Structure formats: C-alpha cells, structure tokens
Amino acid sequence: MKALIFCILALGSSGFADDDLTETTTCQTNAQRIVTFDVYKRFGATNLTIKTITRKDDSKKVRIQNISIP
C-alpha cells in the first residue's frame, strides 16, 4: 500500500516539475548492424547517452549507457 501511494505521489508531482528534458535519437546502419544513439539532455547539459547495437544475424542487442553527473 505504501508503494502504491508513493507511485501516485511521484507521478502526480512530475507534472509540476519544470525541467527542460529533451531526447534526441539518431541511427546509423549498414548491411550487418544498426546502431542507435539516444541522448538525454536537461537544461542543455547531457545527462545520459545510450548506444544500442543490433546485429542482423544475432537476436541479442548490445546496450552501452553513459551517465554524466554535472
């Protein structure tokens, strides 16, 4: 019950937050793989970078995450 109340309060308070969070996604591809870059910025500073590599012949994905703490 406490977890439910916490989730409701967290979701409710996120609507009042005035943060400038932006996400940019770019993709590079060739015959063998697809590389996707996701960049998350808050107030102009990069906070999180995610690089996802998907290979054509393999069902696994490789994900590399870099966190920047300003």
PDB file of N, CA and C in Angstrom:
ATOM      1  N   MET A   1       0.818  -1.193   0.000  1.00  0.00           N
ATOM      2  CA  MET A   1       0.000   0.000   0.000  1.00  0.00           C
ATOM      3  C   MET A   1       0.866   1.262   0.000  1.00  0.00           C
ATOM      4  N   LYS A   2       1.952   1.223   0.794  1.00  0.00           N
ATOM      5  CA  LYS A   2       2.837   2.384   0.829  1.00  0.00           C
ATOM      6  C   LYS A   2       3.472   2.626  -0.536  1.00  0.00           C
ATOM      7  N   ALA A   3       3.832   1.545  -1.231  1.00  0.00           N
ATOM      8  CA  ALA A   3       4.442   1.684  -2.553  1.00  0.00           C
ATOM      9  C   ALA A   3       3.453   2.301  -3.539  1.00  0.00           C
ATOM     10  N   LEU A   4       2.194   1.911  -3.454  1.00  0.00           N
ATOM     11  CA  LEU A   4       1.164   2.471  -4.331  1.00  0.00           C
ATOM     12  C   LEU A   4       1.002   3.968  -4.096  1.00  0.00           C
ATOM     13  N   ILE A   5       0.971   4.371  -2.843  1.00  0.00           N
ATOM     14  CA  ILE A   5       0.840   5.794  -2.515  1.00  0.00           C
ATOM     15  C   ILE A   5       2.056   6.569  -3.010  1.00  0.00           C
ATOM     16  N   PHE A   6       3.250   5.991  -2.833  1.00  0.00           N
ATOM     17  CA  PHE A   6       4.468   6.643  -3.300  1.00  0.00           C
ATOM     18  C   PHE A   6       4.436   6.833  -4.811  1.00  0.00           C
ATOM     19  N   CYS A   7       4.015   5.802  -5.555  1.00  0.00           N
ATOM     20  CA  CYS A   7       3.944   5.898  -7.017  1.00  0.00           C
ATOM     21  C   CYS A   7       2.951   6.967  -7.462  1.00  0.00           C
ATOM     22  N   ILE A   8       1.826   7.026  -6.802  1.00  0.00           N
ATOM     23  CA  ILE A   8       0.809   8.028  -7.151  1.00  0.00           C
ATOM     24  C   ILE A   8       1.342   9.433  -6.890  1.00  0.00           C
ATOM     25  N   LEU A   9       2.027   9.622  -5.764  1.00  0.00           N
ATOM     26  CA  LEU A   9       2.586  10.938  -5.454  1.00  0.00           C
ATOM     27  C   LEU A   9       3.709  11.299  -6.415  1.00  0.00           C
ATOM     28  N   ALA A  10       4.528  10.331  -6.776  1.00  0.00           N
ATOM     29  CA  ALA A  10       5.626  10.598  -7.705  1.00  0.00           C
ATOM     30  C   ALA A  10       5.096  10.979  -9.079  1.00  0.00           C
ATOM     31  N   LEU A  11       4.081  10.276  -9.552  1.00  0.00           N
ATOM     32  CA  LEU A  11       3.503  10.595 -10.855  1.00  0.00           C
ATOM     33  C   LEU A  11       2.791  11.943 -10.827  1.00  0.00           C
ATOM     34  N   GLY A  12       2.139  12.235  -9.728  1.00  0.00           N
ATOM     35  CA  GLY A  12       1.429  13.499  -9.616  1.00  0.00           C
ATOM     36  C   GLY A  12       2.372  14.686  -9.551  1.00  0.00           C
ATOM     37  N   SER A  13       3.492  14.523  -8.860  1.00  0.00           N
ATOM     38  CA  SER A  13       4.423  15.638  -8.722  1.00  0.00           C
ATOM     39  C   SER A  13       5.251  15.856  -9.979  1.00  0.00           C
ATOM     40  N   SER A  14       5.357  14.846 -10.825  1.00  0.00           N
ATOM     41  CA  SER A  14       6.159  15.026 -12.044  1.00  0.00           C
ATOM     42  C   SER A  14       5.506  16.014 -13.008  1.00  0.00           C
ATOM     43  N   GLY A  15       4.225  16.205 -12.911  1.00  0.00           N
ATOM     44  CA  GLY A  15       3.546  17.156 -13.765  1.00  0.00           C
ATOM     45  C   GLY A  15       3.857  18.602 -13.412  1.00  0.00           C
ATOM     46  N   PHE A  16       4.311  18.829 -12.178  1.00  0.00           N
ATOM     47  CA  PHE A  16       4.621  20.182 -11.735  1.00  0.00           C
ATOM     48  C   PHE A  16       6.087  20.544 -11.927  1.00  0.00           C
ATOM     49  N   ALA A  17       6.910  19.565 -12.246  1.00  0.00           N
ATOM     50  CA  ALA A  17       8.343  19.832 -12.404  1.00  0.00           C
ATOM     51  C   ALA A  17       8.572  20.628 -13.686  1.00  0.00           C
ATOM     52  N   ASP A  18       9.389  21.654 -13.566  1.00  0.00           N
ATOM     53  CA  ASP A  18       9.685  22.496 -14.720  1.00  0.00           C
ATOM     54  C   ASP A  18      11.117  22.217 -15.159  1.00  0.00           C
ATOM     55  N   ASP A  19      11.326  21.047 -15.715  1.00  0.00           N
ATOM     56  CA  ASP A  19      12.662  20.724 -16.198  1.00  0.00           C
ATOM     57  C   ASP A  19      12.635  20.666 -17.717  1.00  0.00           C
ATOM     58  N   ASP A  20      13.730  21.024 -18.282  1.00  0.00           N
ATOM     59  CA  ASP A  20      13.856  21.093 -19.733  1.00  0.00           C
ATOM     60  C   ASP A  20      14.514  19.810 -20.219  1.00  0.00           C
ATOM     61  N   LEU A  21      13.802  18.706 -20.168  1.00  0.00           N
ATOM     62  CA  LEU A  21      14.342  17.403 -20.552  1.00  0.00           C
ATOM     63  C   LEU A  21      14.052  17.150 -22.033  1.00  0.00           C
ATOM     64  N   THR A  22      15.119  16.893 -22.807  1.00  0.00           N
ATOM     65  CA  THR A  22      14.958  16.605 -24.227  1.00  0.00           C
ATOM     66  C   THR A  22      15.658  15.302 -24.569  1.00  0.00           C
ATOM     67  N   GLU A  23      15.132  14.619 -25.562  1.00  0.00           N
ATOM     68  CA  GLU A  23      15.719  13.369 -26.043  1.00  0.00           C
ATOM     69  C   GLU A  23      15.957  13.512 -27.545  1.00  0.00           C
ATOM     70  N   THR A  24      17.152  13.087 -27.969  1.00  0.00           N
ATOM     71  CA  THR A  24      17.494  13.087 -29.382  1.00  0.00           C
ATOM     72  C   THR A  24      17.927  11.682 -29.763  1.00  0.00           C
ATOM     73  N   THR A  25      17.377  11.147 -30.847  1.00  0.00           N
ATOM     74  CA  THR A  25      17.716   9.807 -31.302  1.00  0.00           C
ATOM     75  C   THR A  25      18.259   9.887 -32.720  1.00  0.00           C
ATOM     76  N   THR A  26      19.417   9.256 -32.931  1.00  0.00           N
ATOM     77  CA  THR A  26      19.994   9.148 -34.263  1.00  0.00           C
ATOM     78  C   THR A  26      20.285   7.681 -34.540  1.00  0.00           C
ATOM     79  N   CYS A  27      20.335   7.331 -35.808  1.00  0.00           N
ATOM     80  CA  CYS A  27      20.510   5.933 -36.199  1.00  0.00           C
ATOM     81  C   CYS A  27      21.501   5.846 -37.357  1.00  0.00           C
ATOM     82  N   GLN A  28      22.418   4.871 -37.260  1.00  0.00           N
ATOM     83  CA  GLN A  28      23.350   4.575 -38.339  1.00  0.00           C
ATOM     84  C   GLN A  28      23.161   3.109 -38.704  1.00  0.00           C
ATOM     85  N   THR A  29      23.211   2.798 -39.969  1.00  0.00           N
ATOM     86  CA  THR A  29      23.007   1.421 -40.376  1.00  0.00           C
ATOM     87  C   THR A  29      23.924   1.069 -41.539  1.00  0.00           C
ATOM     88  N   ASN A  30      24.241  -0.204 -41.618  1.00  0.00           N
ATOM     89  CA  ASN A  30      24.921  -0.760 -42.790  1.00  0.00           C
ATOM     90  C   ASN A  30      24.342  -2.151 -43.024  1.00  0.00           C
ATOM     91  N   ALA A  31      24.975  -2.973 -43.815  1.00  0.00           N
ATOM     92  CA  ALA A  31      24.408  -4.280 -44.163  1.00  0.00           C
ATOM     93  C   ALA A  31      24.391  -5.252 -42.985  1.00  0.00           C
ATOM     94  N   GLN A  32      25.223  -5.036 -41.981  1.00  0.00           N
ATOM     95  CA  GLN A  32      25.350  -6.001 -40.896  1.00  0.00           C
ATOM     96  C   GLN A  32      24.713  -5.582 -39.572  1.00  0.00           C
ATOM     97  N   ARG A  33      24.593  -4.274 -39.311  1.00  0.00           N
ATOM     98  CA  ARG A  33      24.112  -3.853 -37.997  1.00  0.00           C
ATOM     99  C   ARG A  33      23.417  -2.500 -38.044  1.00  0.00           C
ATOM    100  N   ILE A  34      22.689  -2.238 -36.983  1.00  0.00           N
ATOM    101  CA  ILE A  34      22.017  -0.963 -36.771  1.00  0.00           C
ATOM    102  C   ILE A  34      22.518  -0.414 -35.434  1.00  0.00           C
ATOM    103  N   VAL A  35      22.988   0.823 -35.446  1.00  0.00           N
ATOM    104  CA  VAL A  35      23.469   1.475 -34.229  1.00  0.00           C
ATOM    105  C   VAL A  35      22.572   2.682 -33.967  1.00  0.00           C
ATOM    106  N   THR A  36      21.973   2.703 -32.778  1.00  0.00           N
ATOM    107  CA  THR A  36      21.078   3.780 -32.388  1.00  0.00           C
ATOM    108  C   THR A  36      21.688   4.536 -31.216  1.00  0.00           C
ATOM    109  N   PHE A  37      21.717   5.869 -31.302  1.00  0.00           N
ATOM    110  CA  PHE A  37      22.208   6.722 -30.223  1.00  0.00           C
ATOM    111  C   PHE A  37      21.034   7.503 -29.649  1.00  0.00           C
ATOM    112  N   ASP A  38      20.826   7.386 -28.350  1.00  0.00           N
ATOM    113  CA  ASP A  38      19.816   8.172 -27.644  1.00  0.00           C
ATOM    114  C   ASP A  38      20.555   9.098 -26.681  1.00  0.00           C
ATOM    115  N   VAL A  39      20.304  10.389 -26.796  1.00  0.00           N
ATOM    116  CA  VAL A  39      20.956  11.377 -25.945  1.00  0.00           C
ATOM    117  C   VAL A  39      19.872  12.125 -25.171  1.00  0.00           C
ATOM    118  N   TYR A  40      19.980  12.115 -23.844  1.00  0.00           N
ATOM    119  CA  TYR A  40      19.042  12.809 -22.976  1.00  0.00           C
ATOM    120  C   TYR A  40      19.742  14.015 -22.366  1.00  0.00           C
ATOM    121  N   LYS A  41      19.121  15.192 -22.519  1.00  0.00           N
ATOM    122  CA  LYS A  41      19.692  16.434 -22.001  1.00  0.00           C
ATOM    123  C   LYS A  41      18.690  17.112 -21.081  1.00  0.00           C
ATOM    124  N   ARG A  42      19.223  17.739 -20.041  1.00  0.00           N
ATOM    125  CA  ARG A  42      18.398  18.534 -19.142  1.00  0.00           C
ATOM    126  C   ARG A  42      19.076  19.881 -18.962  1.00  0.00           C
ATOM    127  N   PHE A  43      18.364  20.952 -19.267  1.00  0.00           N
ATOM    128  CA  PHE A  43      18.878  22.319 -19.197  1.00  0.00           C
ATOM    129  C   PHE A  43      20.137  22.484 -20.039  1.00  0.00           C
ATOM    130  N   GLY A  44      20.217  21.798 -21.192  1.00  0.00           N
ATOM    131  CA  GLY A  44      21.325  21.943 -22.117  1.00  0.00           C
ATOM    132  C   GLY A  44      22.525  21.053 -21.834  1.00  0.00           C
ATOM    133  N   ALA A  45      22.567  20.392 -20.682  1.00  0.00           N
ATOM    134  CA  ALA A  45      23.689  19.519 -20.329  1.00  0.00           C
ATOM    135  C   ALA A  45      23.294  18.063 -20.579  1.00  0.00           C
ATOM    136  N   THR A  46      24.202  17.287 -21.170  1.00  0.00           N
ATOM    137  CA  THR A  46      23.936  15.876 -21.445  1.00  0.00           C
ATOM    138  C   THR A  46      23.990  15.083 -20.145  1.00  0.00           C
ATOM    139  N   ASN A  47      22.915  14.356 -19.830  1.00  0.00           N
ATOM    140  CA  ASN A  47      22.853  13.553 -18.620  1.00  0.00           C
ATOM    141  C   ASN A  47      23.020  12.062 -18.895  1.00  0.00           C
ATOM    142  N   LEU A  48      22.514  11.598 -20.030  1.00  0.00           N
ATOM    143  CA  LEU A  48      22.526  10.162 -20.318  1.00  0.00           C
ATOM    144  C   LEU A  48      22.706   9.952 -21.814  1.00  0.00           C
ATOM    145  N   THR A  49      23.605   9.036 -22.158  1.00  0.00           N
ATOM    146  CA  THR A  49      23.820   8.644 -23.540  1.00  0.00           C
ATOM    147  C   THR A  49      23.684   7.132 -23.624  1.00  0.00           C
ATOM    148  N   ILE A  50      22.836   6.656 -24.530  1.00  0.00           N
ATOM    149  CA  ILE A  50      22.617   5.217 -24.703  1.00  0.00           C
ATOM    150  C   ILE A  50      22.943   4.849 -26.147  1.00  0.00           C
ATOM    151  N   LYS A  51      23.827   3.884 -26.302  1.00  0.00           N
ATOM    152  CA  LYS A  51      24.186   3.367 -27.628  1.00  0.00           C
ATOM    153  C   LYS A  51      23.700   1.924 -27.694  1.00  0.00           C
ATOM    154  N   THR A  52      22.823   1.631 -28.651  1.00  0.00           N
ATOM    155  CA  THR A  52      22.273   0.293 -28.821  1.00  0.00           C
ATOM    156  C   THR A  52      22.723  -0.262 -30.164  1.00  0.00           C
ATOM    157  N   ILE A  53      23.309  -1.462 -30.136  1.00  0.00           N
ATOM    158  CA  ILE A  53      23.793  -2.109 -31.356  1.00  0.00           C
ATOM    159  C   ILE A  53      22.972  -3.369 -31.585  1.00  0.00           C
ATOM    160  N   THR A  54      22.373  -3.466 -32.751  1.00  0.00           N
ATOM    161  CA  THR A  54      21.599  -4.642 -33.141  1.00  0.00           C
ATOM    162  C   THR A  54      22.236  -5.235 -34.392  1.00  0.00           C
ATOM    163  N   ARG A  55      22.618  -6.496 -34.310  1.00  0.00           N
ATOM    164  CA  ARG A  55      23.238  -7.167 -35.449  1.00  0.00           C
ATOM    165  C   ARG A  55      22.192  -7.933 -36.239  1.00  0.00           C
ATOM    166  N   LYS A  56      22.415  -8.047 -37.541  1.00  0.00           N
ATOM    167  CA  LYS A  56      21.447  -8.668 -38.434  1.00  0.00           C
ATOM    168  C   LYS A  56      21.251 -10.157 -38.122  1.00  0.00           C
ATOM    169  N   ASP A  57      22.339 -10.882 -37.899  1.00  0.00           N
ATOM    170  CA  ASP A  57      22.250 -12.333 -37.718  1.00  0.00           C
ATOM    171  C   ASP A  57      22.092 -12.768 -36.271  1.00  0.00           C
ATOM    172  N   ASP A  58      22.085 -11.829 -35.336  1.00  0.00           N
ATOM    173  CA  ASP A  58      22.032 -12.174 -33.918  1.00  0.00           C
ATOM    174  C   ASP A  58      20.805 -11.528 -33.297  1.00  0.00           C
ATOM    175  N   SER A  59      20.099 -12.264 -32.463  1.00  0.00           N
ATOM    176  CA  SER A  59      18.890 -11.718 -31.851  1.00  0.00           C
ATOM    177  C   SER A  59      19.207 -10.874 -30.613  1.00  0.00           C
ATOM    178  N   LYS A  60      20.434 -10.917 -30.110  1.00  0.00           N
ATOM    179  CA  LYS A  60      20.813 -10.135 -28.940  1.00  0.00           C
ATOM    180  C   LYS A  60      21.086  -8.689 -29.315  1.00  0.00           C
ATOM    181  N   LYS A  61      20.875  -7.814 -28.349  1.00  0.00           N
ATOM    182  CA  LYS A  61      21.205  -6.406 -28.505  1.00  0.00           C
ATOM    183  C   LYS A  61      22.294  -6.055 -27.497  1.00  0.00           C
ATOM    184  N   VAL A  62      23.188  -5.174 -27.897  1.00  0.00           N
ATOM    185  CA  VAL A  62      24.217  -4.670 -27.005  1.00  0.00           C
ATOM    186  C   VAL A  62      23.853  -3.238 -26.682  1.00  0.00           C
ATOM    187  N   ARG A  63      23.807  -2.901 -25.394  1.00  0.00           N
ATOM    188  CA  ARG A  63      23.448  -1.549 -24.973  1.00  0.00           C
ATOM    189  C   ARG A  63      24.538  -1.009 -24.056  1.00  0.00           C
ATOM    190  N   ILE A  64      25.053   0.166 -24.412  1.00  0.00           N
ATOM    191  CA  ILE A  64      26.083   0.834 -23.636  1.00  0.00           C
ATOM    192  C   ILE A  64      25.491   2.149 -23.145  1.00  0.00           C
ATOM    193  N   GLN A  65      25.491   2.338 -21.816  1.00  0.00           N
ATOM    194  CA  GLN A  65      24.922   3.549 -21.224  1.00  0.00           C
ATOM    195  C   GLN A  65      26.020   4.349 -20.524  1.00  0.00           C
ATOM    196  N   ASN A  66      26.051   5.633 -20.759  1.00  0.00           N
ATOM    197  CA  ASN A  66      26.985   6.538 -20.101  1.00  0.00           C
ATOM    198  C   ASN A  66      26.176   7.601 -19.371  1.00  0.00           C
ATOM    199  N   ILE A  67      26.430   7.743 -18.076  1.00  0.00           N
ATOM    200  CA  ILE A  67      25.730   8.723 -17.264  1.00  0.00           C
ATOM    201  C   ILE A  67      26.685   9.846 -16.924  1.00  0.00           C
ATOM    202  N   SER A  68      26.266  11.084 -17.158  1.00  0.00           N
ATOM    203  CA  SER A  68      27.064  12.256 -16.829  1.00  0.00           C
ATOM    204  C   SER A  68      26.381  12.985 -15.677  1.00  0.00           C
ATOM    205  N   ILE A  69      27.122  13.190 -14.602  1.00  0.00           N
ATOM    206  CA  ILE A  69      26.578  13.912 -13.459  1.00  0.00           C
ATOM    207  C   ILE A  69      27.220  15.292 -13.426  1.00  0.00           C
ATOM    208  N   PRO A  70      26.420  16.324 -13.655  1.00  0.00           N
ATOM    209  CA  PRO A  70      27.001  17.682 -13.688  1.00  0.00           C
ATOM    210  C   PRO A  70      27.386  18.167 -12.313  1.00  0.00           C
TER     211      PRO A  70
END
